[in-house]
Amino acid sequence: DTSTSDTVLAFATGKAGNAPLASF
C-alpha cells in the first residue's frame, strides 16, 4: 500500500566548507 503522504527530503546546509558540488 502506497501512502498518501510519502515524502523524502534532503537538506544541504553548505557549512562544511567544501567546494560546492554541481555535477558528477
PDB file of all heavy atoms in Angstrom:
ATOM      1  N   ASP A   1       0.829  -1.202   0.000  1.00  0.00           N
ATOM      2  CA  ASP A   1       0.000   0.000   0.000  1.00  0.00           C
ATOM      3  C   ASP A   1       0.867   1.256   0.000  1.00  0.00           C
ATOM      4  O   ASP A   1       1.701   1.447   0.893  1.00  0.00           O
ATOM      5  CB  ASP A   1      -0.916   0.019   1.229  1.00  0.00           C
ATOM      6  CG  ASP A   1      -2.055  -0.973   1.098  1.00  0.00           C
ATOM      7  OD1 ASP A   1      -2.441  -1.266  -0.046  1.00  0.00           O
ATOM      8  OD2 ASP A   1      -2.553  -1.453   2.128  1.00  0.00           O
ATOM      9  N   THR A   2       0.648   2.111  -0.988  1.00  0.00           N
ATOM     10  CA  THR A   2       1.419   3.346  -1.127  1.00  0.00           C
ATOM     11  C   THR A   2       0.721   4.475  -0.381  1.00  0.00           C
ATOM     12  O   THR A   2      -0.411   4.819  -0.677  1.00  0.00           O
ATOM     13  CB  THR A   2       1.566   3.721  -2.617  1.00  0.00           C
ATOM     14  OG1 THR A   2       2.251   2.666  -3.287  1.00  0.00           O
ATOM     15  CG2 THR A   2       2.356   5.008  -2.771  1.00  0.00           C
ATOM     16  N   SER A   3       1.407   5.094   0.550  1.00  0.00           N
ATOM     17  CA  SER A   3       0.817   6.113   1.405  1.00  0.00           C
ATOM     18  C   SER A   3       0.440   7.382   0.645  1.00  0.00           C
ATOM     19  O   SER A   3       1.003   7.699  -0.396  1.00  0.00           O
ATOM     20  CB  SER A   3       1.797   6.467   2.517  1.00  0.00           C
ATOM     21  OG  SER A   3       1.383   7.614   3.226  1.00  0.00           O
ATOM     22  N   THR A   4      -0.496   8.119   1.234  1.00  0.00           N
ATOM     23  CA  THR A   4      -0.887   9.428   0.715  1.00  0.00           C
ATOM     24  C   THR A   4       0.130  10.510   1.076  1.00  0.00           C
ATOM     25  O   THR A   4       0.020  11.639   0.599  1.00  0.00           O
ATOM     26  CB  THR A   4      -2.246   9.841   1.298  1.00  0.00           C
ATOM     27  OG1 THR A   4      -2.148   9.853   2.729  1.00  0.00           O
ATOM     28  CG2 THR A   4      -3.331   8.879   0.884  1.00  0.00           C
ATOM     29  N   SER A   5       1.088  10.195   1.927  1.00  0.00           N
ATOM     30  CA  SER A   5       1.962  11.225   2.488  1.00  0.00           C
ATOM     31  C   SER A   5       3.445  10.997   2.235  1.00  0.00           C
ATOM     32  O   SER A   5       4.275  11.788   2.691  1.00  0.00           O
ATOM     33  CB  SER A   5       1.736  11.307   4.010  1.00  0.00           C
ATOM     34  OG  SER A   5       0.375  11.514   4.313  1.00  0.00           O
ATOM     35  N   ASP A   6       3.814   9.923   1.526  1.00  0.00           N
ATOM     36  CA  ASP A   6       5.219   9.575   1.343  1.00  0.00           C
ATOM     37  C   ASP A   6       6.067  10.773   0.916  1.00  0.00           C
ATOM     38  O   ASP A   6       5.783  11.433  -0.083  1.00  0.00           O
ATOM     39  CB  ASP A   6       5.368   8.503   0.260  1.00  0.00           C
ATOM     40  CG  ASP A   6       4.847   7.150   0.701  1.00  0.00           C
ATOM     41  OD1 ASP A   6       4.724   6.937   1.908  1.00  0.00           O
ATOM     42  OD2 ASP A   6       4.581   6.313  -0.176  1.00  0.00           O
ATOM     43  N   THR A   7       7.113  11.022   1.673  1.00  0.00           N
ATOM     44  CA  THR A   7       8.000  12.157   1.400  1.00  0.00           C
ATOM     45  C   THR A   7       9.403  11.829   1.875  1.00  0.00           C
ATOM     46  O   THR A   7       9.580  11.318   2.989  1.00  0.00           O
ATOM     47  CB  THR A   7       7.520  13.417   2.154  1.00  0.00           C
ATOM     48  OG1 THR A   7       6.224  13.783   1.697  1.00  0.00           O
ATOM     49  CG2 THR A   7       8.471  14.586   1.937  1.00  0.00           C
ATOM     50  N   VAL A   8      10.384  12.098   1.060  1.00  0.00           N
ATOM     51  CA  VAL A   8      11.782  12.110   1.493  1.00  0.00           C
ATOM     52  C   VAL A   8      12.383  13.433   1.048  1.00  0.00           C
ATOM     53  O   VAL A   8      12.305  13.790  -0.132  1.00  0.00           O
ATOM     54  CB  VAL A   8      12.585  10.936   0.912  1.00  0.00           C
ATOM     55  CG1 VAL A   8      14.085  11.133   1.172  1.00  0.00           C
ATOM     56  CG2 VAL A   8      12.147   9.613   1.535  1.00  0.00           C
ATOM     57  N   LEU A   9      12.937  14.164   1.998  1.00  0.00           N
ATOM     58  CA  LEU A   9      13.551  15.460   1.721  1.00  0.00           C
ATOM     59  C   LEU A   9      15.020  15.421   2.087  1.00  0.00           C
ATOM     60  O   LEU A   9      15.408  14.784   3.069  1.00  0.00           O
ATOM     61  CB  LEU A   9      12.848  16.568   2.515  1.00  0.00           C
ATOM     62  CG  LEU A   9      11.358  16.783   2.244  1.00  0.00           C
ATOM     63  CD1 LEU A   9      10.794  17.807   3.217  1.00  0.00           C
ATOM     64  CD2 LEU A   9      11.128  17.223   0.808  1.00  0.00           C
ATOM     65  N   ALA A  10      15.838  16.116   1.321  1.00  0.00           N
ATOM     66  CA  ALA A  10      17.264  16.246   1.606  1.00  0.00           C
ATOM     67  C   ALA A  10      17.606  17.719   1.736  1.00  0.00           C
ATOM     68  O   ALA A  10      17.180  18.543   0.915  1.00  0.00           O
ATOM     69  CB  ALA A  10      18.102  15.604   0.503  1.00  0.00           C
ATOM     70  N   PHE A  11      18.372  18.048   2.766  1.00  0.00           N
ATOM     71  CA  PHE A  11      18.765  19.427   3.049  1.00  0.00           C
ATOM     72  C   PHE A  11      20.288  19.496   3.133  1.00  0.00           C
ATOM     73  O   PHE A  11      20.907  18.726   3.873  1.00  0.00           O
ATOM     74  CB  PHE A  11      18.165  19.892   4.384  1.00  0.00           C
ATOM     75  CG  PHE A  11      16.679  19.745   4.479  1.00  0.00           C
ATOM     76  CD1 PHE A  11      16.106  18.610   5.037  1.00  0.00           C
ATOM     77  CD2 PHE A  11      15.838  20.750   4.017  1.00  0.00           C
ATOM     78  CE1 PHE A  11      14.730  18.477   5.148  1.00  0.00           C
ATOM     79  CE2 PHE A  11      14.455  20.628   4.116  1.00  0.00           C
ATOM     80  CZ  PHE A  11      13.902  19.488   4.680  1.00  0.00           C
ATOM     81  N   ALA A  12      20.885  20.425   2.414  1.00  0.00           N
ATOM     82  CA  ALA A  12      22.336  20.607   2.426  1.00  0.00           C
ATOM     83  C   ALA A  12      22.646  22.033   2.875  1.00  0.00           C
ATOM     84  O   ALA A  12      22.353  22.994   2.155  1.00  0.00           O
ATOM     85  CB  ALA A  12      22.928  20.341   1.046  1.00  0.00           C
ATOM     86  N   THR A  13      23.218  22.161   4.085  1.00  0.00           N
ATOM     87  CA  THR A  13      23.431  23.489   4.661  1.00  0.00           C
ATOM     88  C   THR A  13      24.633  24.223   4.087  1.00  0.00           C
ATOM     89  O   THR A  13      24.735  25.440   4.219  1.00  0.00           O
ATOM     90  CB  THR A  13      23.608  23.391   6.187  1.00  0.00           C
ATOM     91  OG1 THR A  13      24.851  22.716   6.489  1.00  0.00           O
ATOM     92  CG2 THR A  13      22.439  22.644   6.827  1.00  0.00           C
ATOM     93  N   GLY A  14      25.579  23.483   3.493  1.00  0.00           N
ATOM     94  CA  GLY A  14      26.753  24.127   2.903  1.00  0.00           C
ATOM     95  C   GLY A  14      27.779  24.595   3.907  1.00  0.00           C
ATOM     96  O   GLY A  14      28.701  25.347   3.554  1.00  0.00           O
ATOM     97  N   LYS A  15      27.682  24.146   5.160  1.00  0.00           N
ATOM     98  CA  LYS A  15      28.560  24.640   6.223  1.00  0.00           C
ATOM     99  C   LYS A  15      29.894  23.894   6.326  1.00  0.00           C
ATOM    100  O   LYS A  15      30.756  24.273   7.114  1.00  0.00           O
ATOM    101  CB  LYS A  15      27.843  24.566   7.571  1.00  0.00           C
ATOM    102  CG  LYS A  15      26.618  25.475   7.685  1.00  0.00           C
ATOM    103  CD  LYS A  15      27.033  26.928   7.654  1.00  0.00           C
ATOM    104  CE  LYS A  15      25.850  27.852   7.928  1.00  0.00           C
ATOM    105  NZ  LYS A  15      26.249  29.276   7.922  1.00  0.00           N
ATOM    106  N   ALA A  16      30.094  22.842   5.549  1.00  0.00           N
ATOM    107  CA  ALA A  16      31.335  22.062   5.661  1.00  0.00           C
ATOM    108  C   ALA A  16      32.535  22.762   5.037  1.00  0.00           C
ATOM    109  O   ALA A  16      33.677  22.408   5.309  1.00  0.00           O
ATOM    110  CB  ALA A  16      31.144  20.687   5.024  1.00  0.00           C
ATOM    111  N   GLY A  17      32.273  23.727   4.173  1.00  0.00           N
ATOM    112  CA  GLY A  17      33.370  24.476   3.564  1.00  0.00           C
ATOM    113  C   GLY A  17      33.981  23.827   2.348  1.00  0.00           C
ATOM    114  O   GLY A  17      35.043  24.261   1.870  1.00  0.00           O
ATOM    115  N   ASN A  18      33.340  22.807   1.807  1.00  0.00           N
ATOM    116  CA  ASN A  18      33.854  22.165   0.596  1.00  0.00           C
ATOM    117  C   ASN A  18      33.547  22.997  -0.636  1.00  0.00           C
ATOM    118  O   ASN A  18      32.646  23.859  -0.621  1.00  0.00           O
ATOM    119  CB  ASN A  18      33.229  20.785   0.433  1.00  0.00           C
ATOM    120  CG  ASN A  18      31.712  20.831   0.260  1.00  0.00           C
ATOM    121  OD1 ASN A  18      31.005  21.021   1.246  1.00  0.00           O
ATOM    122  ND2 ASN A  18      31.233  20.666  -0.963  1.00  0.00           N
ATOM    123  N   ALA A  19      34.295  22.753  -1.695  1.00  0.00           N
ATOM    124  CA  ALA A  19      33.968  23.370  -2.981  1.00  0.00           C
ATOM    125  C   ALA A  19      32.599  22.860  -3.396  1.00  0.00           C
ATOM    126  O   ALA A  19      32.368  21.645  -3.426  1.00  0.00           O
ATOM    127  CB  ALA A  19      35.012  23.004  -4.030  1.00  0.00           C
ATOM    128  N   PRO A  20      31.645  23.734  -3.689  1.00  0.00           N
ATOM    129  CA  PRO A  20      30.273  23.293  -3.972  1.00  0.00           C
ATOM    130  C   PRO A  20      30.195  22.283  -5.111  1.00  0.00           C
ATOM    131  O   PRO A  20      30.896  22.414  -6.123  1.00  0.00           O
ATOM    132  CB  PRO A  20      29.569  24.604  -4.344  1.00  0.00           C
ATOM    133  CG  PRO A  20      30.364  25.669  -3.666  1.00  0.00           C
ATOM    134  CD  PRO A  20      31.792  25.197  -3.714  1.00  0.00           C
ATOM    135  N   LEU A  21      29.346  21.271  -4.913  1.00  0.00           N
ATOM    136  CA  LEU A  21      29.126  20.254  -5.933  1.00  0.00           C
ATOM    137  C   LEU A  21      27.968  20.672  -6.829  1.00  0.00           C
ATOM    138  O   LEU A  21      26.898  21.019  -6.339  1.00  0.00           O
ATOM    139  CB  LEU A  21      28.801  18.911  -5.277  1.00  0.00           C
ATOM    140  CG  LEU A  21      29.855  18.321  -4.340  1.00  0.00           C
ATOM    141  CD1 LEU A  21      29.339  17.023  -3.727  1.00  0.00           C
ATOM    142  CD2 LEU A  21      31.172  18.091  -5.075  1.00  0.00           C
ATOM    143  N   ALA A  22      28.212  20.629  -8.137  1.00  0.00           N
ATOM    144  CA  ALA A  22      27.169  20.999  -9.093  1.00  0.00           C
ATOM    145  C   ALA A  22      26.944  19.937 -10.158  1.00  0.00           C
ATOM    146  O   ALA A  22      25.954  19.988 -10.882  1.00  0.00           O
ATOM    147  CB  ALA A  22      27.497  22.333  -9.752  1.00  0.00           C
ATOM    148  N   SER A  23      27.862  18.966 -10.258  1.00  0.00           N
ATOM    149  CA  SER A  23      27.707  17.888 -11.241  1.00  0.00           C
ATOM    150  C   SER A  23      28.654  16.757 -10.867  1.00  0.00           C
ATOM    151  O   SER A  23      29.532  16.913 -10.007  1.00  0.00           O
ATOM    152  CB  SER A  23      28.021  18.376 -12.658  1.00  0.00           C
ATOM    153  OG  SER A  23      29.417  18.496 -12.849  1.00  0.00           O
ATOM    154  N   PHE A  24      28.491  15.632 -11.550  1.00  0.00           N
ATOM    155  CA  PHE A  24      29.369  14.496 -11.286  1.00  0.00           C
ATOM    156  C   PHE A  24      30.774  14.726 -11.818  1.00  0.00           C
ATOM    157  O   PHE A  24      31.685  13.923 -11.549  1.00  0.00           O
ATOM    158  CB  PHE A  24      28.768  13.217 -11.880  1.00  0.00           C
ATOM    159  CG  PHE A  24      27.678  12.630 -11.032  1.00  0.00           C
ATOM    160  CD1 PHE A  24      26.371  12.627 -11.479  1.00  0.00           C
ATOM    161  CD2 PHE A  24      27.959  12.094  -9.784  1.00  0.00           C
ATOM    162  CE1 PHE A  24      25.358  12.089 -10.699  1.00  0.00           C
ATOM    163  CE2 PHE A  24      26.950  11.563  -8.995  1.00  0.00           C
ATOM    164  CZ  PHE A  24      25.647  11.554  -9.455  1.00  0.00           C
TER     165      PHE A  24
END
